[in-house]
Amino acid sequence: MNNLTHGDLVGALSSNAMAVVLLAVMSFVGTVWFYRRWRGQPAPLLPARSPLLWGLVIAFVVFGMLRWTPWGAWLRP
């Protein structure tokens, strides 16, 4: 987070790529939710059957498993 607040995207990605991606996706989802609510449309934040939600869960699990194996050493901080 410190790297992001100082504008160092590469440093933030090297520290924890999943956190940077998750922050970007959740910012986008929150913006879409706010816009829909502002217009008076129904807007669930992230429905349980959302492909985006399941994609994030799968990516998070794969990233976590890969990060601690010898093949994913480049993902470690």
N, C-alpha and C. Protein backbone atom coordinates (compact mmCIF):
# COMPACT_ATOMS: atom_id res chain seq x y z
N MET A 1 0.82 -1.17 0.00
CA MET A 1 0.00 0.00 0.00
C MET A 1 0.87 1.25 0.00
N ASN A 2 1.98 1.19 0.71
CA ASN A 2 2.88 2.33 0.75
C ASN A 2 3.40 2.66 -0.66
N ASN A 3 3.74 1.63 -1.41
CA ASN A 3 4.22 1.86 -2.77
C ASN A 3 3.13 2.48 -3.64
N LEU A 4 1.91 2.03 -3.49
CA LEU A 4 0.80 2.58 -4.28
C LEU A 4 0.55 4.04 -3.93
N THR A 5 0.57 4.38 -2.66
CA THR A 5 0.31 5.76 -2.27
C THR A 5 1.42 6.71 -2.73
N HIS A 6 2.58 6.18 -3.00
CA HIS A 6 3.67 6.99 -3.53
C HIS A 6 3.79 6.89 -5.05
N GLY A 7 2.84 6.21 -5.68
CA GLY A 7 2.82 6.14 -7.14
C GLY A 7 3.76 5.11 -7.75
N ASP A 8 4.28 4.20 -6.95
CA ASP A 8 5.21 3.18 -7.43
C ASP A 8 4.44 1.89 -7.72
N LEU A 9 3.82 1.83 -8.90
CA LEU A 9 3.01 0.67 -9.26
C LEU A 9 3.87 -0.59 -9.41
N VAL A 10 5.04 -0.46 -10.00
CA VAL A 10 5.92 -1.62 -10.19
C VAL A 10 6.36 -2.18 -8.84
N GLY A 11 6.70 -1.31 -7.92
CA GLY A 11 7.09 -1.76 -6.57
C GLY A 11 5.94 -2.43 -5.85
N ALA A 12 4.73 -1.88 -6.02
CA ALA A 12 3.55 -2.50 -5.39
C ALA A 12 3.28 -3.86 -5.99
N LEU A 13 3.40 -3.98 -7.30
CA LEU A 13 3.18 -5.28 -7.95
C LEU A 13 4.23 -6.30 -7.52
N SER A 14 5.46 -5.85 -7.32
CA SER A 14 6.50 -6.80 -6.90
C SER A 14 6.31 -7.21 -5.44
N SER A 15 5.71 -6.34 -4.63
CA SER A 15 5.47 -6.68 -3.22
C SER A 15 4.31 -7.67 -3.08
N ASN A 16 3.20 -7.37 -3.75
CA ASN A 16 2.05 -8.27 -3.68
C ASN A 16 1.12 -7.97 -4.85
N ALA A 17 1.31 -8.71 -5.91
CA ALA A 17 0.54 -8.49 -7.15
C ALA A 17 -0.95 -8.72 -6.94
N MET A 18 -1.31 -9.70 -6.14
CA MET A 18 -2.72 -10.01 -5.94
C MET A 18 -3.43 -8.87 -5.23
N ALA A 19 -2.79 -8.24 -4.28
CA ALA A 19 -3.41 -7.13 -3.56
C ALA A 19 -3.67 -5.96 -4.50
N VAL A 20 -2.75 -5.69 -5.42
CA VAL A 20 -2.92 -4.59 -6.37
C VAL A 20 -4.08 -4.89 -7.32
N VAL A 21 -4.13 -6.10 -7.83
CA VAL A 21 -5.22 -6.49 -8.74
C VAL A 21 -6.55 -6.47 -8.00
N LEU A 22 -6.58 -7.00 -6.80
CA LEU A 22 -7.81 -7.03 -6.01
C LEU A 22 -8.30 -5.61 -5.69
N LEU A 23 -7.39 -4.72 -5.39
CA LEU A 23 -7.76 -3.33 -5.12
C LEU A 23 -8.36 -2.68 -6.37
N ALA A 24 -7.77 -2.94 -7.53
CA ALA A 24 -8.29 -2.37 -8.77
C ALA A 24 -9.68 -2.92 -9.10
N VAL A 25 -9.86 -4.22 -8.97
CA VAL A 25 -11.15 -4.83 -9.29
C VAL A 25 -12.23 -4.36 -8.32
N MET A 26 -11.92 -4.32 -7.04
CA MET A 26 -12.91 -3.89 -6.06
C MET A 26 -13.24 -2.40 -6.21
N SER A 27 -12.28 -1.60 -6.62
CA SER A 27 -12.56 -0.19 -6.90
C SER A 27 -13.53 -0.06 -8.07
N PHE A 28 -13.32 -0.86 -9.11
CA PHE A 28 -14.21 -0.85 -10.27
C PHE A 28 -15.61 -1.31 -9.88
N VAL A 29 -15.71 -2.39 -9.14
CA VAL A 29 -17.01 -2.92 -8.72
C VAL A 29 -17.73 -1.90 -7.82
N GLY A 30 -17.01 -1.28 -6.92
CA GLY A 30 -17.62 -0.28 -6.06
C GLY A 30 -18.11 0.94 -6.83
N THR A 31 -17.36 1.34 -7.84
CA THR A 31 -17.78 2.48 -8.67
C THR A 31 -19.03 2.14 -9.47
N VAL A 32 -19.08 0.95 -10.05
CA VAL A 32 -20.27 0.53 -10.79
C VAL A 32 -21.47 0.44 -9.86
N TRP A 33 -21.27 -0.11 -8.67
CA TRP A 33 -22.37 -0.20 -7.70
C TRP A 33 -22.89 1.18 -7.32
N PHE A 34 -21.97 2.10 -7.03
CA PHE A 34 -22.37 3.45 -6.64
C PHE A 34 -23.13 4.14 -7.78
N TYR A 35 -22.65 3.99 -9.00
CA TYR A 35 -23.31 4.62 -10.15
C TYR A 35 -24.72 4.07 -10.34
N ARG A 36 -24.88 2.76 -10.24
CA ARG A 36 -26.21 2.15 -10.39
C ARG A 36 -27.16 2.59 -9.28
N ARG A 37 -26.67 2.63 -8.06
CA ARG A 37 -27.52 3.06 -6.94
C ARG A 37 -27.90 4.54 -7.09
N TRP A 38 -26.99 5.33 -7.57
CA TRP A 38 -27.24 6.75 -7.77
C TRP A 38 -28.34 6.96 -8.81
N ARG A 39 -28.40 6.09 -9.81
CA ARG A 39 -29.43 6.17 -10.85
C ARG A 39 -30.72 5.50 -10.44
N GLY A 40 -30.75 4.88 -9.26
CA GLY A 40 -31.96 4.25 -8.75
C GLY A 40 -32.17 2.83 -9.24
N GLN A 41 -31.16 2.23 -9.81
CA GLN A 41 -31.26 0.85 -10.30
C GLN A 41 -30.87 -0.11 -9.19
N PRO A 42 -31.45 -1.32 -9.21
CA PRO A 42 -31.01 -2.32 -8.24
C PRO A 42 -29.58 -2.73 -8.56
N ALA A 43 -28.78 -2.85 -7.55
CA ALA A 43 -27.37 -3.16 -7.78
C ALA A 43 -26.79 -3.97 -6.63
N PRO A 44 -26.87 -5.30 -6.72
CA PRO A 44 -26.16 -6.08 -5.71
C PRO A 44 -24.66 -5.88 -5.87
N LEU A 45 -23.94 -5.83 -4.79
CA LEU A 45 -22.51 -5.53 -4.86
C LEU A 45 -21.77 -6.57 -5.70
N LEU A 46 -21.81 -7.79 -5.30
CA LEU A 46 -21.26 -8.89 -6.10
C LEU A 46 -22.11 -10.12 -5.83
N PRO A 47 -23.01 -10.45 -6.75
CA PRO A 47 -23.85 -11.63 -6.53
C PRO A 47 -22.99 -12.89 -6.40
N ALA A 48 -23.48 -13.85 -5.64
CA ALA A 48 -22.73 -15.08 -5.39
C ALA A 48 -22.47 -15.86 -6.68
N ARG A 49 -23.31 -15.71 -7.68
CA ARG A 49 -23.13 -16.44 -8.94
C ARG A 49 -22.39 -15.62 -9.99
N SER A 50 -21.78 -14.53 -9.57
CA SER A 50 -21.07 -13.66 -10.49
C SER A 50 -19.78 -14.33 -10.99
N PRO A 51 -19.57 -14.35 -12.31
CA PRO A 51 -18.32 -14.91 -12.83
C PRO A 51 -17.10 -14.13 -12.34
N LEU A 52 -17.26 -12.84 -12.13
CA LEU A 52 -16.15 -12.03 -11.62
C LEU A 52 -15.75 -12.48 -10.23
N LEU A 53 -16.72 -12.73 -9.37
CA LEU A 53 -16.43 -13.18 -8.02
C LEU A 53 -15.72 -14.53 -8.03
N TRP A 54 -16.24 -15.47 -8.80
CA TRP A 54 -15.62 -16.79 -8.86
C TRP A 54 -14.25 -16.74 -9.51
N GLY A 55 -14.09 -15.88 -10.50
CA GLY A 55 -12.76 -15.71 -11.11
C GLY A 55 -11.76 -15.18 -10.11
N LEU A 56 -12.18 -14.23 -9.28
CA LEU A 56 -11.29 -13.69 -8.25
C LEU A 56 -10.93 -14.75 -7.20
N VAL A 57 -11.91 -15.53 -6.80
CA VAL A 57 -11.64 -16.58 -5.81
C VAL A 57 -10.64 -17.60 -6.36
N ILE A 58 -10.85 -18.04 -7.59
CA ILE A 58 -9.94 -19.01 -8.21
C ILE A 58 -8.55 -18.42 -8.39
N ALA A 59 -8.48 -17.17 -8.87
CA ALA A 59 -7.19 -16.52 -9.06
C ALA A 59 -6.46 -16.36 -7.73
N PHE A 60 -7.19 -16.02 -6.68
CA PHE A 60 -6.58 -15.85 -5.37
C PHE A 60 -6.00 -17.16 -4.85
N VAL A 61 -6.74 -18.24 -5.01
CA VAL A 61 -6.26 -19.55 -4.54
C VAL A 61 -5.05 -20.00 -5.35
N VAL A 62 -5.11 -19.87 -6.67
CA VAL A 62 -3.99 -20.27 -7.53
C VAL A 62 -2.76 -19.42 -7.22
N PHE A 63 -2.96 -18.12 -7.08
CA PHE A 63 -1.84 -17.24 -6.74
C PHE A 63 -1.21 -17.63 -5.42
N GLY A 64 -2.03 -17.88 -4.41
CA GLY A 64 -1.52 -18.27 -3.11
C GLY A 64 -0.75 -19.57 -3.14
N MET A 65 -1.26 -20.55 -3.88
CA MET A 65 -0.57 -21.84 -3.97
C MET A 65 0.72 -21.71 -4.77
N LEU A 66 0.65 -20.98 -5.88
CA LEU A 66 1.82 -20.84 -6.75
C LEU A 66 2.92 -20.03 -6.07
N ARG A 67 2.54 -19.06 -5.27
CA ARG A 67 3.52 -18.18 -4.63
C ARG A 67 4.46 -18.93 -3.70
N TRP A 68 3.98 -20.01 -3.11
CA TRP A 68 4.80 -20.73 -2.14
C TRP A 68 5.42 -22.01 -2.69
N THR A 69 5.40 -22.18 -4.00
CA THR A 69 6.06 -23.31 -4.63
C THR A 69 7.34 -22.84 -5.31
N PRO A 70 8.25 -23.74 -5.62
CA PRO A 70 9.48 -23.32 -6.30
C PRO A 70 9.21 -22.67 -7.67
N TRP A 71 8.12 -23.07 -8.35
CA TRP A 71 7.82 -22.51 -9.67
C TRP A 71 7.34 -21.07 -9.60
N GLY A 72 6.80 -20.67 -8.47
CA GLY A 72 6.29 -19.31 -8.32
C GLY A 72 7.17 -18.42 -7.48
N ALA A 73 8.46 -18.73 -7.40
CA ALA A 73 9.37 -17.94 -6.57
C ALA A 73 9.40 -16.48 -7.02
N TRP A 74 9.16 -16.22 -8.26
CA TRP A 74 9.19 -14.85 -8.78
C TRP A 74 8.00 -14.02 -8.28
N LEU A 75 6.98 -14.67 -7.69
CA LEU A 75 5.83 -13.96 -7.15
C LEU A 75 6.05 -13.52 -5.70
N ARG A 76 7.08 -14.02 -5.06
CA ARG A 76 7.35 -13.66 -3.67
C ARG A 76 7.93 -12.26 -3.58
N PRO A 77 7.67 -11.59 -2.46
CA PRO A 77 8.25 -10.24 -2.29
C PRO A 77 9.73 -10.27 -2.08
